[in-house]
Amino acid sequence: MFQTIADPADCEVRSVIRFSNAKNVKPDEIHRQLVEIYGENVMTDGMVRKWVRQFNDGRNNVHDEAWSGRPSVVNDGLVAKVHEKMRENSRFTIRMLCDKFP
């Protein structure tokens, strides 16, 4: 019996897929082994197959790629201002947050 590993990082699971794929382990067997060690909710069989295809197509990076969406407006200055307002008034609400920082 194996010990299960809870809450693995995505890059850890992808590294296992990449390693197993390099050893010519079939995707369904990779998925079975992942479930055995990481539990039922680790990754679907379809996602394992997708990652195997990507690695076979030459991908080497197991980390998430940068999103091309809208950039975040949150910065250290904004966080500091929100913390300051919360220290001034311990009953600070989300509504007040929206009013102070539109």
N, C-alpha and C. Protein backbone atom coordinates (compact mmCIF):
# COMPACT_ATOMS: atom_id res chain seq x y z
N MET A 1 0.85 -1.18 0.00
CA MET A 1 0.00 0.00 0.00
C MET A 1 0.89 1.24 0.00
N PHE A 2 0.48 2.26 -0.75
CA PHE A 2 1.23 3.50 -0.87
C PHE A 2 0.63 4.57 0.03
N GLN A 3 1.46 5.50 0.42
CA GLN A 3 0.99 6.66 1.16
C GLN A 3 0.53 7.70 0.16
N THR A 4 -0.66 8.27 0.35
CA THR A 4 -1.14 9.30 -0.56
C THR A 4 -0.52 10.65 -0.21
N ILE A 5 -0.35 11.46 -1.24
CA ILE A 5 0.20 12.81 -1.09
C ILE A 5 -0.93 13.79 -1.33
N ALA A 6 -1.24 14.59 -0.33
CA ALA A 6 -2.34 15.54 -0.44
C ALA A 6 -1.87 16.86 -1.05
N ASP A 7 -2.74 17.47 -1.84
CA ASP A 7 -2.53 18.80 -2.41
C ASP A 7 -1.18 19.00 -3.09
N PRO A 8 -0.88 18.20 -4.10
CA PRO A 8 0.39 18.41 -4.81
C PRO A 8 0.31 19.67 -5.68
N ALA A 9 1.44 20.29 -5.90
CA ALA A 9 1.50 21.43 -6.82
C ALA A 9 1.26 20.91 -8.24
N ASP A 10 0.63 21.73 -9.07
CA ASP A 10 0.37 21.34 -10.45
C ASP A 10 1.65 20.95 -11.18
N CYS A 11 2.72 21.72 -10.94
CA CYS A 11 3.98 21.44 -11.62
C CYS A 11 4.57 20.10 -11.17
N GLU A 12 4.27 19.70 -9.94
CA GLU A 12 4.74 18.39 -9.46
C GLU A 12 4.07 17.26 -10.24
N VAL A 13 2.77 17.37 -10.40
CA VAL A 13 2.02 16.35 -11.14
C VAL A 13 2.48 16.31 -12.59
N ARG A 14 2.67 17.49 -13.19
CA ARG A 14 3.13 17.53 -14.58
C ARG A 14 4.53 16.96 -14.73
N SER A 15 5.37 17.16 -13.71
CA SER A 15 6.71 16.58 -13.74
C SER A 15 6.65 15.06 -13.73
N VAL A 16 5.74 14.51 -12.95
CA VAL A 16 5.56 13.06 -12.92
C VAL A 16 5.09 12.57 -14.28
N ILE A 17 4.18 13.31 -14.90
CA ILE A 17 3.69 12.94 -16.24
C ILE A 17 4.84 12.98 -17.24
N ARG A 18 5.63 14.04 -17.19
CA ARG A 18 6.75 14.18 -18.13
C ARG A 18 7.76 13.04 -17.94
N PHE A 19 8.08 12.73 -16.69
CA PHE A 19 9.02 11.66 -16.37
C PHE A 19 8.49 10.31 -16.87
N SER A 20 7.24 10.02 -16.53
CA SER A 20 6.65 8.74 -16.94
C SER A 20 6.54 8.63 -18.45
N ASN A 21 6.19 9.73 -19.10
CA ASN A 21 6.09 9.73 -20.55
C ASN A 21 7.46 9.47 -21.19
N ALA A 22 8.53 10.05 -20.59
CA ALA A 22 9.88 9.81 -21.11
C ALA A 22 10.28 8.35 -20.98
N LYS A 23 9.68 7.64 -20.02
CA LYS A 23 9.94 6.21 -19.84
C LYS A 23 8.97 5.36 -20.66
N ASN A 24 8.23 6.02 -21.58
CA ASN A 24 7.27 5.37 -22.47
C ASN A 24 6.12 4.67 -21.74
N VAL A 25 5.72 5.23 -20.60
CA VAL A 25 4.54 4.71 -19.90
C VAL A 25 3.31 5.27 -20.61
N LYS A 26 2.32 4.45 -20.83
CA LYS A 26 1.10 4.85 -21.54
C LYS A 26 0.30 5.83 -20.68
N PRO A 27 -0.42 6.77 -21.32
CA PRO A 27 -1.19 7.78 -20.57
C PRO A 27 -2.18 7.19 -19.57
N ASP A 28 -2.87 6.10 -19.94
CA ASP A 28 -3.83 5.53 -18.99
C ASP A 28 -3.14 4.96 -17.76
N GLU A 29 -1.94 4.43 -17.93
CA GLU A 29 -1.17 3.91 -16.79
C GLU A 29 -0.63 5.07 -15.95
N ILE A 30 -0.22 6.16 -16.61
CA ILE A 30 0.23 7.35 -15.87
C ILE A 30 -0.92 7.84 -14.99
N HIS A 31 -2.12 7.94 -15.57
CA HIS A 31 -3.27 8.41 -14.81
C HIS A 31 -3.56 7.49 -13.63
N ARG A 32 -3.50 6.20 -13.86
CA ARG A 32 -3.77 5.23 -12.79
C ARG A 32 -2.78 5.42 -11.64
N GLN A 33 -1.51 5.62 -11.97
CA GLN A 33 -0.49 5.81 -10.94
C GLN A 33 -0.68 7.14 -10.20
N LEU A 34 -1.05 8.19 -10.94
CA LEU A 34 -1.30 9.48 -10.30
C LEU A 34 -2.43 9.37 -9.29
N VAL A 35 -3.52 8.71 -9.68
CA VAL A 35 -4.66 8.54 -8.78
C VAL A 35 -4.26 7.71 -7.56
N GLU A 36 -3.44 6.72 -7.77
CA GLU A 36 -3.00 5.85 -6.69
C GLU A 36 -2.22 6.64 -5.63
N ILE A 37 -1.39 7.57 -6.05
CA ILE A 37 -0.55 8.32 -5.13
C ILE A 37 -1.19 9.63 -4.67
N TYR A 38 -1.83 10.37 -5.59
CA TYR A 38 -2.35 11.69 -5.25
C TYR A 38 -3.84 11.72 -4.95
N GLY A 39 -4.56 10.65 -5.23
CA GLY A 39 -5.99 10.61 -4.95
C GLY A 39 -6.82 10.86 -6.19
N GLU A 40 -8.12 10.64 -6.04
CA GLU A 40 -9.07 10.70 -7.16
C GLU A 40 -9.13 12.06 -7.86
N ASN A 41 -8.91 13.14 -7.12
CA ASN A 41 -9.10 14.48 -7.69
C ASN A 41 -7.84 15.09 -8.27
N VAL A 42 -6.83 14.28 -8.52
CA VAL A 42 -5.54 14.83 -8.96
C VAL A 42 -5.63 15.46 -10.35
N MET A 43 -6.11 14.73 -11.33
CA MET A 43 -6.19 15.20 -12.71
C MET A 43 -6.99 14.18 -13.49
N THR A 44 -7.75 14.64 -14.46
CA THR A 44 -8.54 13.71 -15.25
C THR A 44 -7.65 12.97 -16.25
N ASP A 45 -8.16 11.85 -16.72
CA ASP A 45 -7.45 11.07 -17.73
C ASP A 45 -7.23 11.90 -18.99
N GLY A 46 -8.23 12.70 -19.36
CA GLY A 46 -8.11 13.55 -20.55
C GLY A 46 -7.02 14.59 -20.42
N MET A 47 -6.87 15.16 -19.22
CA MET A 47 -5.81 16.15 -19.00
C MET A 47 -4.44 15.49 -19.04
N VAL A 48 -4.34 14.28 -18.52
CA VAL A 48 -3.06 13.56 -18.60
C VAL A 48 -2.69 13.37 -20.07
N ARG A 49 -3.67 12.94 -20.88
CA ARG A 49 -3.42 12.74 -22.31
C ARG A 49 -3.01 14.05 -22.99
N LYS A 50 -3.63 15.16 -22.59
CA LYS A 50 -3.30 16.47 -23.16
C LYS A 50 -1.84 16.82 -22.84
N TRP A 51 -1.43 16.61 -21.58
CA TRP A 51 -0.05 16.92 -21.21
C TRP A 51 0.95 15.99 -21.89
N VAL A 52 0.59 14.73 -22.06
CA VAL A 52 1.47 13.80 -22.78
C VAL A 52 1.66 14.28 -24.22
N ARG A 53 0.57 14.71 -24.86
CA ARG A 53 0.67 15.24 -26.24
C ARG A 53 1.59 16.46 -26.28
N GLN A 54 1.41 17.36 -25.32
CA GLN A 54 2.24 18.57 -25.30
C GLN A 54 3.72 18.23 -25.11
N PHE A 55 4.01 17.30 -24.22
CA PHE A 55 5.41 16.90 -24.02
C PHE A 55 5.96 16.19 -25.27
N ASN A 56 5.14 15.40 -25.91
CA ASN A 56 5.56 14.73 -27.15
C ASN A 56 5.80 15.74 -28.27
N ASP A 57 5.07 16.86 -28.22
CA ASP A 57 5.23 17.91 -29.23
C ASP A 57 6.41 18.84 -28.94
N GLY A 58 7.16 18.56 -27.86
CA GLY A 58 8.35 19.33 -27.59
C GLY A 58 8.30 20.24 -26.39
N ARG A 59 7.17 20.32 -25.72
CA ARG A 59 7.11 21.17 -24.53
C ARG A 59 8.00 20.58 -23.44
N ASN A 60 8.76 21.44 -22.76
CA ASN A 60 9.63 21.01 -21.68
C ASN A 60 9.23 21.61 -20.34
N ASN A 61 8.53 22.73 -20.38
CA ASN A 61 8.18 23.47 -19.17
C ASN A 61 6.95 22.85 -18.50
N VAL A 62 7.05 22.56 -17.21
CA VAL A 62 5.93 21.98 -16.46
C VAL A 62 5.16 23.05 -15.70
N HIS A 63 5.60 24.30 -15.79
CA HIS A 63 4.95 25.40 -15.06
C HIS A 63 3.89 26.06 -15.92
N ASP A 64 2.94 26.73 -15.25
CA ASP A 64 1.90 27.46 -15.96
C ASP A 64 2.53 28.59 -16.78
N GLU A 65 1.94 28.82 -17.93
CA GLU A 65 2.40 29.94 -18.75
C GLU A 65 1.66 31.19 -18.35
N ALA A 66 2.23 32.34 -18.63
CA ALA A 66 1.61 33.62 -18.28
C ALA A 66 0.28 33.78 -19.01
N TRP A 67 -0.68 34.32 -18.29
CA TRP A 67 -1.99 34.58 -18.89
C TRP A 67 -1.92 35.83 -19.74
N SER A 68 -2.67 35.85 -20.80
CA SER A 68 -2.66 37.01 -21.68
C SER A 68 -3.84 37.92 -21.40
N GLY A 69 -4.52 37.73 -20.30
CA GLY A 69 -5.71 38.50 -19.96
C GLY A 69 -5.37 39.87 -19.42
N ARG A 70 -6.38 40.48 -18.86
CA ARG A 70 -6.28 41.82 -18.32
C ARG A 70 -5.31 41.84 -17.14
N PRO A 71 -4.40 42.80 -17.09
CA PRO A 71 -3.45 42.85 -15.98
C PRO A 71 -4.14 43.25 -14.68
N SER A 72 -3.59 42.83 -13.58
CA SER A 72 -4.15 43.12 -12.26
C SER A 72 -3.92 44.58 -11.91
N VAL A 73 -4.90 45.19 -11.23
CA VAL A 73 -4.75 46.57 -10.76
C VAL A 73 -4.24 46.60 -9.32
N VAL A 74 -4.10 45.44 -8.72
CA VAL A 74 -3.64 45.36 -7.34
C VAL A 74 -2.11 45.52 -7.31
N ASN A 75 -1.66 46.42 -6.45
CA ASN A 75 -0.23 46.62 -6.26
C ASN A 75 0.03 46.84 -4.77
N ASP A 76 1.27 46.93 -4.39
CA ASP A 76 1.63 47.08 -2.97
C ASP A 76 1.06 48.35 -2.37
N GLY A 77 1.02 49.42 -3.15
CA GLY A 77 0.48 50.69 -2.65
C GLY A 77 -0.99 50.58 -2.33
N LEU A 78 -1.76 49.95 -3.20
CA LEU A 78 -3.19 49.78 -2.97
C LEU A 78 -3.44 48.91 -1.75
N VAL A 79 -2.68 47.84 -1.61
CA VAL A 79 -2.83 46.95 -0.46
C VAL A 79 -2.54 47.71 0.83
N ALA A 80 -1.50 48.54 0.83
CA ALA A 80 -1.15 49.32 2.01
C ALA A 80 -2.27 50.30 2.37
N LYS A 81 -2.87 50.94 1.37
CA LYS A 81 -3.97 51.88 1.62
C LYS A 81 -5.18 51.17 2.21
N VAL A 82 -5.50 50.01 1.69
CA VAL A 82 -6.64 49.24 2.21
C VAL A 82 -6.37 48.83 3.65
N HIS A 83 -5.18 48.37 3.94
CA HIS A 83 -4.82 47.99 5.32
C HIS A 83 -4.93 49.17 6.25
N GLU A 84 -4.49 50.34 5.79
CA GLU A 84 -4.57 51.56 6.60
C GLU A 84 -6.01 51.89 6.94
N LYS A 85 -6.88 51.84 5.95
CA LYS A 85 -8.31 52.12 6.18
C LYS A 85 -8.91 51.11 7.15
N MET A 86 -8.50 49.87 7.05
CA MET A 86 -9.03 48.84 7.95
C MET A 86 -8.54 49.06 9.38
N ARG A 87 -7.31 49.55 9.55
CA ARG A 87 -6.81 49.85 10.90
C ARG A 87 -7.52 51.05 11.49
N GLU A 88 -7.89 52.03 10.64
CA GLU A 88 -8.60 53.21 11.11
C GLU A 88 -10.00 52.85 11.60
N ASN A 89 -10.63 51.88 10.95
CA ASN A 89 -12.01 51.53 11.28
C ASN A 89 -12.15 50.01 11.24
N SER A 90 -12.26 49.40 12.41
CA SER A 90 -12.34 47.93 12.46
C SER A 90 -13.66 47.40 11.89
N ARG A 91 -14.62 48.26 11.68
CA ARG A 91 -15.90 47.84 11.09
C ARG A 91 -15.96 48.15 9.59
N PHE A 92 -14.82 48.21 8.98
CA PHE A 92 -14.67 48.49 7.56
C PHE A 92 -15.39 47.41 6.75
N THR A 93 -16.26 47.80 5.83
CA THR A 93 -17.04 46.84 5.05
C THR A 93 -16.61 46.84 3.59
N ILE A 94 -17.06 45.85 2.87
CA ILE A 94 -16.78 45.78 1.44
C ILE A 94 -17.39 46.98 0.72
N ARG A 95 -18.58 47.40 1.13
CA ARG A 95 -19.22 48.57 0.53
C ARG A 95 -18.33 49.79 0.71
N MET A 96 -17.77 49.97 1.91
CA MET A 96 -16.88 51.09 2.16
C MET A 96 -15.63 50.98 1.30
N LEU A 97 -15.14 49.76 1.12
CA LEU A 97 -13.98 49.53 0.28
C LEU A 97 -14.26 50.01 -1.14
N CYS A 98 -15.44 49.67 -1.66
CA CYS A 98 -15.82 50.09 -3.03
C CYS A 98 -15.94 51.61 -3.13
N ASP A 99 -16.45 52.22 -2.07
CA ASP A 99 -16.61 53.68 -2.08
C ASP A 99 -15.26 54.40 -2.01
N LYS A 100 -14.35 53.89 -1.19
CA LYS A 100 -13.05 54.53 -1.01
C LYS A 100 -12.10 54.27 -2.18
N PHE A 101 -12.23 53.08 -2.78
CA PHE A 101 -11.31 52.69 -3.86
C PHE A 101 -12.10 52.21 -5.07
N PRO A 102 -12.66 53.16 -5.83
CA PRO A 102 -13.50 52.75 -6.98
C PRO A 102 -12.72 52.04 -8.07
